[in-house]
PDB file of N, CA and C in Angstrom:
ATOM      1  N   UNK A   1       0.847  -1.181   0.000  1.00  0.00           N
ATOM      2  CA  UNK A   1       0.000   0.000   0.000  1.00  0.00           C
ATOM      3  C   UNK A   1       0.893   1.245   0.000  1.00  0.00           C
ATOM      4  N   UNK A   2       0.509   2.232  -0.770  1.00  0.00           N
ATOM      5  CA  UNK A   2       1.269   3.475  -0.840  1.00  0.00           C
ATOM      6  C   UNK A   2       1.047   4.310   0.415  1.00  0.00           C
ATOM      7  N   UNK A   3       1.981   5.230   0.663  1.00  0.00           N
ATOM      8  CA  UNK A   3       1.882   6.090   1.848  1.00  0.00           C
ATOM      9  C   UNK A   3       0.591   6.891   1.876  1.00  0.00           C
ATOM     10  N   UNK A   4       0.184   7.406   0.715  1.00  0.00           N
ATOM     11  CA  UNK A   4      -1.041   8.206   0.655  1.00  0.00           C
ATOM     12  C   UNK A   4      -2.263   7.360   1.028  1.00  0.00           C
ATOM     13  N   UNK A   5      -2.264   6.122   0.556  1.00  0.00           N
ATOM     14  CA  UNK A   5      -3.377   5.223   0.874  1.00  0.00           C
ATOM     15  C   UNK A   5      -3.392   4.870   2.364  1.00  0.00           C
ATOM     16  N   UNK A   6      -2.208   4.649   2.942  1.00  0.00           N
ATOM     17  CA  UNK A   6      -2.130   4.358   4.376  1.00  0.00           C
ATOM     18  C   UNK A   6      -2.613   5.545   5.201  1.00  0.00           C
ATOM     19  N   UNK A   7      -2.231   6.740   4.776  1.00  0.00           N
ATOM     20  CA  UNK A   7      -2.668   7.958   5.470  1.00  0.00           C
ATOM     21  C   UNK A   7      -4.193   8.081   5.423  1.00  0.00           C
ATOM     22  N   UNK A   8      -4.769   7.856   4.242  1.00  0.00           N
ATOM     23  CA  UNK A   8      -6.225   7.946   4.091  1.00  0.00           C
ATOM     24  C   UNK A   8      -6.916   6.884   4.943  1.00  0.00           C
ATOM     25  N   UNK A   9      -6.351   5.682   4.975  1.00  0.00           N
ATOM     26  CA  UNK A   9      -6.928   4.615   5.797  1.00  0.00           C
ATOM     27  C   UNK A   9      -6.920   5.005   7.281  1.00  0.00           C
ATOM     28  N   UNK A  10      -5.819   5.582   7.762  1.00  0.00           N
ATOM     29  CA  UNK A  10      -5.715   5.989   9.165  1.00  0.00           C
ATOM     30  C   UNK A  10      -6.751   7.062   9.493  1.00  0.00           C
ATOM     31  N   UNK A  11      -6.915   8.025   8.596  1.00  0.00           N
ATOM     32  CA  UNK A  11      -7.888   9.102   8.820  1.00  0.00           C
ATOM     33  C   UNK A  11      -9.309   8.547   8.830  1.00  0.00           C
ATOM     34  N   UNK A  12      -9.623   7.706   7.862  1.00  0.00           N
ATOM     35  CA  UNK A  12     -10.981   7.155   7.792  1.00  0.00           C
ATOM     36  C   UNK A  12     -11.298   6.274   9.000  1.00  0.00           C
ATOM     37  N   UNK A  13     -10.314   5.511   9.476  1.00  0.00           N
ATOM     38  CA  UNK A  13     -10.527   4.711  10.688  1.00  0.00           C
ATOM     39  C   UNK A  13     -10.770   5.610  11.896  1.00  0.00           C
ATOM     40  N   UNK A  14     -10.041   6.718  11.954  1.00  0.00           N
ATOM     41  CA  UNK A  14     -10.220   7.658  13.067  1.00  0.00           C
ATOM     42  C   UNK A  14     -11.612   8.277  13.036  1.00  0.00           C
ATOM     43  N   UNK A  15     -12.147   8.487  11.851  1.00  0.00           N
ATOM     44  CA  UNK A  15     -13.465   9.117  11.717  1.00  0.00           C
ATOM     45  C   UNK A  15     -14.616   8.117  11.850  1.00  0.00           C
ATOM     46  N   UNK A  16     -14.307   6.828  11.803  1.00  0.00           N
ATOM     47  CA  UNK A  16     -15.344   5.797  11.810  1.00  0.00           C
ATOM     48  C   UNK A  16     -15.807   5.462  13.228  1.00  0.00           C
ATOM     49  N   UNK A  17     -16.185   6.486  13.977  1.00  0.00           N
ATOM     50  CA  UNK A  17     -16.659   6.298  15.344  1.00  0.00           C
ATOM     51  C   UNK A  17     -17.596   7.456  15.683  1.00  0.00           C
ATOM     52  N   UNK A  18     -18.778   7.147  16.174  1.00  0.00           N
ATOM     53  CA  UNK A  18     -19.762   8.212  16.411  1.00  0.00           C
ATOM     54  C   UNK A  18     -19.306   9.201  17.486  1.00  0.00           C
ATOM     55  N   UNK A  19     -18.538   8.758  18.459  1.00  0.00           N
ATOM     56  CA  UNK A  19     -18.036   9.685  19.490  1.00  0.00           C
ATOM     57  C   UNK A  19     -17.042  10.673  18.883  1.00  0.00           C
ATOM     58  N   UNK A  20     -16.185  10.171  18.010  1.00  0.00           N
ATOM     59  CA  UNK A  20     -15.198  11.059  17.380  1.00  0.00           C
ATOM     60  C   UNK A  20     -15.874  12.044  16.437  1.00  0.00           C
ATOM     61  N   UNK A  21     -16.920  11.603  15.775  1.00  0.00           N
ATOM     62  CA  UNK A  21     -17.677  12.531  14.923  1.00  0.00           C
ATOM     63  C   UNK A  21     -18.352  13.599  15.775  1.00  0.00           C
ATOM     64  N   UNK A  22     -18.831  13.224  16.952  1.00  0.00           N
ATOM     65  CA  UNK A  22     -19.433  14.207  17.866  1.00  0.00           C
ATOM     66  C   UNK A  22     -18.378  15.209  18.334  1.00  0.00           C
ATOM     67  N   UNK A  23     -17.173  14.730  18.595  1.00  0.00           N
ATOM     68  CA  UNK A  23     -16.074  15.622  18.978  1.00  0.00           C
ATOM     69  C   UNK A  23     -15.799  16.612  17.858  1.00  0.00           C
ATOM     70  N   UNK A  24     -15.724  16.128  16.628  1.00  0.00           N
ATOM     71  CA  UNK A  24     -15.446  17.009  15.488  1.00  0.00           C
ATOM     72  C   UNK A  24     -16.568  18.019  15.273  1.00  0.00           C
ATOM     73  N   UNK A  25     -17.812  17.589  15.445  1.00  0.00           N
ATOM     74  CA  UNK A  25     -18.935  18.521  15.296  1.00  0.00           C
ATOM     75  C   UNK A  25     -18.845  19.620  16.353  1.00  0.00           C
ATOM     76  N   UNK A  26     -18.496  19.248  17.582  1.00  0.00           N
ATOM     77  CA  UNK A  26     -18.335  20.229  18.658  1.00  0.00           C
ATOM     78  C   UNK A  26     -17.213  21.212  18.329  1.00  0.00           C
ATOM     79  N   UNK A  27     -16.078  20.694  17.886  1.00  0.00           N
ATOM     80  CA  UNK A  27     -14.936  21.559  17.583  1.00  0.00           C
ATOM     81  C   UNK A  27     -15.194  22.437  16.359  1.00  0.00           C
ATOM     82  N   UNK A  28     -15.954  21.919  15.413  1.00  0.00           N
ATOM     83  CA  UNK A  28     -16.308  22.741  14.245  1.00  0.00           C
ATOM     84  C   UNK A  28     -17.159  23.928  14.691  1.00  0.00           C
ATOM     85  N   UNK A  29     -18.082  23.668  15.608  1.00  0.00           N
ATOM     86  CA  UNK A  29     -18.993  24.707  16.097  1.00  0.00           C
ATOM     87  C   UNK A  29     -18.281  25.693  17.027  1.00  0.00           C
ATOM     88  N   UNK A  30     -17.487  25.177  17.958  1.00  0.00           N
ATOM     89  CA  UNK A  30     -16.875  26.010  18.991  1.00  0.00           C
ATOM     90  C   UNK A  30     -15.497  26.549  18.616  1.00  0.00           C
ATOM     91  N   UNK A  31     -14.779  25.866  17.736  1.00  0.00           N
ATOM     92  CA  UNK A  31     -13.436  26.299  17.363  1.00  0.00           C
ATOM     93  C   UNK A  31     -12.353  25.518  18.079  1.00  0.00           C
ATOM     94  N   UNK A  32     -12.455  25.445  19.405  1.00  0.00           N
ATOM     95  CA  UNK A  32     -11.506  24.660  20.193  1.00  0.00           C
ATOM     96  C   UNK A  32     -12.145  24.300  21.520  1.00  0.00           C
ATOM     97  N   UNK A  33     -11.527  23.359  22.207  1.00  0.00           N
ATOM     98  CA  UNK A  33     -12.036  22.985  23.519  1.00  0.00           C
ATOM     99  C   UNK A  33     -11.029  22.152  24.282  1.00  0.00           C
ATOM    100  N   UNK A  34     -11.137  22.201  25.594  1.00  0.00           N
ATOM    101  CA  UNK A  34     -10.276  21.373  26.448  1.00  0.00           C
ATOM    102  C   UNK A  34     -10.868  19.966  26.514  1.00  0.00           C
ATOM    103  N   UNK A  35     -10.072  19.037  26.999  1.00  0.00           N
ATOM    104  CA  UNK A  35     -10.545  17.658  27.134  1.00  0.00           C
ATOM    105  C   UNK A  35     -11.803  17.622  28.005  1.00  0.00           C
ATOM    106  N   UNK A  36     -11.788  18.356  29.107  1.00  0.00           N
ATOM    107  CA  UNK A  36     -12.943  18.390  30.008  1.00  0.00           C
ATOM    108  C   UNK A  36     -14.191  18.964  29.361  1.00  0.00           C
ATOM    109  N   UNK A  37     -14.037  20.073  28.637  1.00  0.00           N
ATOM    110  CA  UNK A  37     -15.186  20.696  27.952  1.00  0.00           C
ATOM    111  C   UNK A  37     -15.778  19.752  26.916  1.00  0.00           C
ATOM    112  N   UNK A  38     -14.904  19.122  26.150  1.00  0.00           N
ATOM    113  CA  UNK A  38     -15.367  18.214  25.096  1.00  0.00           C
ATOM    114  C   UNK A  38     -16.077  17.015  25.717  1.00  0.00           C
ATOM    115  N   UNK A  39     -15.483  16.436  26.761  1.00  0.00           N
ATOM    116  CA  UNK A  39     -16.094  15.290  27.434  1.00  0.00           C
ATOM    117  C   UNK A  39     -17.453  15.617  28.015  1.00  0.00           C
ATOM    118  N   UNK A  40     -17.564  16.798  28.603  1.00  0.00           N
ATOM    119  CA  UNK A  40     -18.844  17.233  29.166  1.00  0.00           C
ATOM    120  C   UNK A  40     -19.895  17.377  28.065  1.00  0.00           C
ATOM    121  N   UNK A  41     -19.505  17.948  26.946  1.00  0.00           N
ATOM    122  CA  UNK A  41     -20.433  18.160  25.831  1.00  0.00           C
ATOM    123  C   UNK A  41     -20.947  16.843  25.254  1.00  0.00           C
ATOM    124  N   UNK A  42     -20.046  15.869  25.098  1.00  0.00           N
ATOM    125  CA  UNK A  42     -20.467  14.604  24.483  1.00  0.00           C
ATOM    126  C   UNK A  42     -20.805  13.529  25.521  1.00  0.00           C
ATOM    127  N   UNK A  43     -20.805  13.933  26.808  1.00  0.00           N
ATOM    128  CA  UNK A  43     -21.178  13.049  27.914  1.00  0.00           C
ATOM    129  C   UNK A  43     -20.326  11.775  27.952  1.00  0.00           C
ATOM    130  N   UNK A  44     -19.027  12.004  28.084  1.00  0.00           N
ATOM    131  CA  UNK A  44     -18.074  10.909  28.119  1.00  0.00           C
ATOM    132  C   UNK A  44     -17.037  11.216  29.198  1.00  0.00           C
ATOM    133  N   UNK A  45     -16.487  10.197  29.813  1.00  0.00           N
ATOM    134  CA  UNK A  45     -15.495  10.411  30.876  1.00  0.00           C
ATOM    135  C   UNK A  45     -14.257  11.117  30.319  1.00  0.00           C
ATOM    136  N   UNK A  46     -13.524  11.728  31.218  1.00  0.00           N
ATOM    137  CA  UNK A  46     -12.295  12.430  30.837  1.00  0.00           C
ATOM    138  C   UNK A  46     -11.338  11.469  30.137  1.00  0.00           C
ATOM    139  N   UNK A  47     -11.175  10.294  30.713  1.00  0.00           N
ATOM    140  CA  UNK A  47     -10.241   9.303  30.157  1.00  0.00           C
ATOM    141  C   UNK A  47     -10.649   8.846  28.760  1.00  0.00           C
ATOM    142  N   UNK A  48     -11.920   8.517  28.579  1.00  0.00           N
ATOM    143  CA  UNK A  48     -12.399   8.063  27.269  1.00  0.00           C
ATOM    144  C   UNK A  48     -12.303   9.188  26.240  1.00  0.00           C
ATOM    145  N   UNK A  49     -12.638  10.402  26.649  1.00  0.00           N
ATOM    146  CA  UNK A  49     -12.533  11.558  25.749  1.00  0.00           C
ATOM    147  C   UNK A  49     -11.087  11.753  25.321  1.00  0.00           C
ATOM    148  N   UNK A  50     -10.184  11.667  26.267  1.00  0.00           N
ATOM    149  CA  UNK A  50      -8.761  11.825  25.982  1.00  0.00           C
ATOM    150  C   UNK A  50      -8.281  10.769  24.991  1.00  0.00           C
ATOM    151  N   UNK A  51      -8.755   9.551  25.140  1.00  0.00           N
ATOM    152  CA  UNK A  51      -8.380   8.465  24.227  1.00  0.00           C
ATOM    153  C   UNK A  51      -8.871   8.758  22.808  1.00  0.00           C
ATOM    154  N   UNK A  52     -10.119   9.196  22.673  1.00  0.00           N
ATOM    155  CA  UNK A  52     -10.659   9.525  21.351  1.00  0.00           C
ATOM    156  C   UNK A  52      -9.902  10.698  20.725  1.00  0.00           C
ATOM    157  N   UNK A  53      -9.581  11.693  21.527  1.00  0.00           N
ATOM    158  CA  UNK A  53      -8.826  12.846  21.025  1.00  0.00           C
ATOM    159  C   UNK A  53      -7.435  12.423  20.567  1.00  0.00           C
ATOM    160  N   UNK A  54      -6.827  11.488  21.266  1.00  0.00           N
ATOM    161  CA  UNK A  54      -5.503  10.996  20.882  1.00  0.00           C
ATOM    162  C   UNK A  54      -5.533  10.296  19.528  1.00  0.00           C
ATOM    163  N   UNK A  55      -6.592   9.547  19.272  1.00  0.00           N
ATOM    164  CA  UNK A  55      -6.738   8.870  17.976  1.00  0.00           C
ATOM    165  C   UNK A  55      -6.857   9.909  16.859  1.00  0.00           C
ATOM    166  N   UNK A  56      -7.674  10.928  17.073  1.00  0.00           N
ATOM    167  CA  UNK A  56      -7.846  11.981  16.064  1.00  0.00           C
ATOM    168  C   UNK A  56      -6.562  12.783  15.874  1.00  0.00           C
ATOM    169  N   UNK A  57      -5.839  13.014  16.948  1.00  0.00           N
ATOM    170  CA  UNK A  57      -4.571  13.738  16.865  1.00  0.00           C
ATOM    171  C   UNK A  57      -3.531  12.914  16.099  1.00  0.00           C
ATOM    172  N   UNK A  58      -3.458  11.614  16.382  1.00  0.00           N
ATOM    173  CA  UNK A  58      -2.500  10.729  15.709  1.00  0.00           C
ATOM    174  C   UNK A  58      -2.765  10.643  14.210  1.00  0.00           C
ATOM    175  N   UNK A  59      -4.025  10.827  13.815  1.00  0.00           N
ATOM    176  CA  UNK A  59      -4.394  10.799  12.396  1.00  0.00           C
ATOM    177  C   UNK A  59      -4.244  12.173  11.745  1.00  0.00           C
ATOM    178  N   UNK A  60      -3.689  13.134  12.483  1.00  0.00           N
ATOM    179  CA  UNK A  60      -3.489  14.510  11.994  1.00  0.00           C
ATOM    180  C   UNK A  60      -4.794  15.231  11.674  1.00  0.00           C
ATOM    181  N   UNK A  61      -5.863  14.810  12.324  1.00  0.00           N
ATOM    182  CA  UNK A  61      -7.155  15.465  12.145  1.00  0.00           C
ATOM    183  C   UNK A  61      -7.250  16.674  13.077  1.00  0.00           C
ATOM    184  N   UNK A  62      -6.609  16.562  14.244  1.00  0.00           N
ATOM    185  CA  UNK A  62      -6.648  17.632  15.240  1.00  0.00           C
ATOM    186  C   UNK A  62      -5.253  18.159  15.550  1.00  0.00           C
ATOM    187  N   UNK A  63      -5.229  19.403  16.022  1.00  0.00           N
ATOM    188  CA  UNK A  63      -4.021  20.004  16.592  1.00  0.00           C
ATOM    189  C   UNK A  63      -4.284  20.142  18.082  1.00  0.00           C
ATOM    190  N   UNK A  64      -3.218  20.152  18.877  1.00  0.00           N
ATOM    191  CA  UNK A  64      -3.406  20.347  20.312  1.00  0.00           C
ATOM    192  C   UNK A  64      -2.375  21.340  20.837  1.00  0.00           C
ATOM    193  N   UNK A  65      -2.773  21.987  21.925  1.00  0.00           N
ATOM    194  CA  UNK A  65      -1.905  22.982  22.541  1.00  0.00           C
ATOM    195  C   UNK A  65      -2.049  22.882  24.054  1.00  0.00           C
ATOM    196  N   UNK A  66      -0.922  22.787  24.719  1.00  0.00           N
ATOM    197  CA  UNK A  66      -0.894  22.738  26.186  1.00  0.00           C
ATOM    198  C   UNK A  66      -0.933  24.165  26.710  1.00  0.00           C
ATOM    199  N   UNK A  67      -1.887  24.456  27.593  1.00  0.00           N
ATOM    200  CA  UNK A  67      -1.971  25.755  28.266  1.00  0.00           C
ATOM    201  C   UNK A  67      -2.106  25.496  29.750  1.00  0.00           C
ATOM    202  N   UNK A  68      -1.053  25.809  30.462  1.00  0.00           N
ATOM    203  CA  UNK A  68      -1.013  25.553  31.896  1.00  0.00           C
ATOM    204  C   UNK A  68      -1.237  24.058  32.128  1.00  0.00           C
ATOM    205  N   UNK A  69      -2.273  23.681  32.836  1.00  0.00           N
ATOM    206  CA  UNK A  69      -2.528  22.270  33.122  1.00  0.00           C
ATOM    207  C   UNK A  69      -3.528  21.630  32.162  1.00  0.00           C
ATOM    208  N   UNK A  70      -4.056  22.398  31.226  1.00  0.00           N
ATOM    209  CA  UNK A  70      -5.065  21.878  30.307  1.00  0.00           C
ATOM    210  C   UNK A  70      -4.505  21.729  28.894  1.00  0.00           C
ATOM    211  N   UNK A  71      -5.070  20.771  28.173  1.00  0.00           N
ATOM    212  CA  UNK A  71      -4.737  20.575  26.766  1.00  0.00           C
ATOM    213  C   UNK A  71      -5.969  20.953  25.962  1.00  0.00           C
ATOM    214  N   UNK A  72      -5.781  21.833  24.977  1.00  0.00           N
ATOM    215  CA  UNK A  72      -6.865  22.278  24.111  1.00  0.00           C
ATOM    216  C   UNK A  72      -6.678  21.689  22.720  1.00  0.00           C
ATOM    217  N   UNK A  73      -7.793  21.314  22.113  1.00  0.00           N
ATOM    218  CA  UNK A  73      -7.782  20.716  20.778  1.00  0.00           C
ATOM    219  C   UNK A  73      -8.587  21.581  19.823  1.00  0.00           C
ATOM    220  N   UNK A  74      -8.172  21.552  18.550  1.00  0.00           N
ATOM    221  CA  UNK A  74      -8.930  22.193  17.478  1.00  0.00           C
ATOM    222  C   UNK A  74      -8.681  21.412  16.198  1.00  0.00           C
ATOM    223  N   UNK A  75      -9.546  21.604  15.226  1.00  0.00           N
ATOM    224  CA  UNK A  75      -9.392  20.923  13.946  1.00  0.00           C
ATOM    225  C   UNK A  75      -8.138  21.457  13.262  1.00  0.00           C
ATOM    226  N   UNK A  76      -7.362  20.549  12.716  1.00  0.00           N
ATOM    227  CA  UNK A  76      -6.080  20.897  12.107  1.00  0.00           C
ATOM    228  C   UNK A  76      -6.247  21.819  10.903  1.00  0.00           C
ATOM    229  N   UNK A  77      -5.393  22.828  10.852  1.00  0.00           N
ATOM    230  CA  UNK A  77      -5.376  23.729   9.693  1.00  0.00           C
ATOM    231  C   UNK A  77      -4.789  23.030   8.478  1.00  0.00           C
ATOM    232  N   UNK A  78      -4.058  21.960   8.711  1.00  0.00           N
ATOM    233  CA  UNK A  78      -3.379  21.223   7.645  1.00  0.00           C
ATOM    234  C   UNK A  78      -4.253  20.119   7.046  1.00  0.00           C
ATOM    235  N   UNK A  79      -5.545  20.092   7.366  1.00  0.00           N
ATOM    236  CA  UNK A  79      -6.390  19.024   6.847  1.00  0.00           C
ATOM    237  C   UNK A  79      -6.458  19.072   5.329  1.00  0.00           C
ATOM    238  N   UNK A  80      -6.565  17.889   4.757  1.00  0.00           N
ATOM    239  CA  UNK A  80      -6.634  17.762   3.304  1.00  0.00           C
ATOM    240  C   UNK A  80      -7.976  18.291   2.801  1.00  0.00           C
ATOM    241  N   UNK A  81      -8.050  18.626   1.513  1.00  0.00           N
ATOM    242  CA  UNK A  81      -9.333  19.068   0.944  1.00  0.00           C
ATOM    243  C   UNK A  81     -10.438  18.024   1.122  1.00  0.00           C
ATOM    244  N   UNK A  82     -10.076  16.750   1.026  1.00  0.00           N
ATOM    245  CA  UNK A  82     -11.062  15.678   1.211  1.00  0.00           C
ATOM    246  C   UNK A  82     -11.610  15.702   2.629  1.00  0.00           C
ATOM    247  N   UNK A  83     -10.722  15.872   3.592  1.00  0.00           N
ATOM    248  CA  UNK A  83     -11.138  15.927   4.992  1.00  0.00           C
ATOM    249  C   UNK A  83     -12.005  17.150   5.255  1.00  0.00           C
ATOM    250  N   UNK A  84     -11.645  18.279   4.669  1.00  0.00           N
ATOM    251  CA  UNK A  84     -12.458  19.488   4.836  1.00  0.00           C
ATOM    252  C   UNK A  84     -13.847  19.298   4.231  1.00  0.00           C
ATOM    253  N   UNK A  85     -13.915  18.583   3.118  1.00  0.00           N
ATOM    254  CA  UNK A  85     -15.216  18.296   2.506  1.00  0.00           C
ATOM    255  C   UNK A  85     -16.060  17.428   3.441  1.00  0.00           C
ATOM    256  N   UNK A  86     -15.433  16.460   4.092  1.00  0.00           N
ATOM    257  CA  UNK A  86     -16.152  15.622   5.061  1.00  0.00           C
ATOM    258  C   UNK A  86     -16.639  16.447   6.243  1.00  0.00           C
ATOM    259  N   UNK A  87     -15.806  17.384   6.724  1.00  0.00           N
ATOM    260  CA  UNK A  87     -16.199  18.240   7.844  1.00  0.00           C
ATOM    261  C   UNK A  87     -17.404  19.097   7.488  1.00  0.00           C
ATOM    262  N   UNK A  88     -17.521  19.475   6.235  1.00  0.00           N
ATOM    263  CA  UNK A  88     -18.648  20.323   5.836  1.00  0.00           C
ATOM    264  C   UNK A  88     -19.977  19.582   5.983  1.00  0.00           C
ATOM    265  N   UNK A  89     -19.925  18.259   6.045  1.00  0.00           N
ATOM    266  CA  UNK A  89     -21.143  17.461   6.209  1.00  0.00           C
ATOM    267  C   UNK A  89     -21.600  17.390   7.661  1.00  0.00           C
ATOM    268  N   UNK A  90     -20.740  17.777   8.593  1.00  0.00           N
ATOM    269  CA  UNK A  90     -21.098  17.722  10.022  1.00  0.00           C
ATOM    270  C   UNK A  90     -22.062  18.825  10.396  1.00  0.00           C
TER     271      UNK A  90
END
């Protein structure tokens, strides 16, 4: 499999979960959020939310920034046109 195909597979696997889609819908609407804010919005524990965010981050779907003791996430500015088209459906 080519690198581009592997990258697309990783992104699609990351998106193939209703909780992760809920996270993306929240971030699209709000712009950014901390792990706690996102977990509260989608009604998921801090640990489970953090795990889902890590999957999206590893697939380069999200960017993260450490501020003091909190980590904030937002949709990556480097997303591919295909990924941006998918986000428009949320």
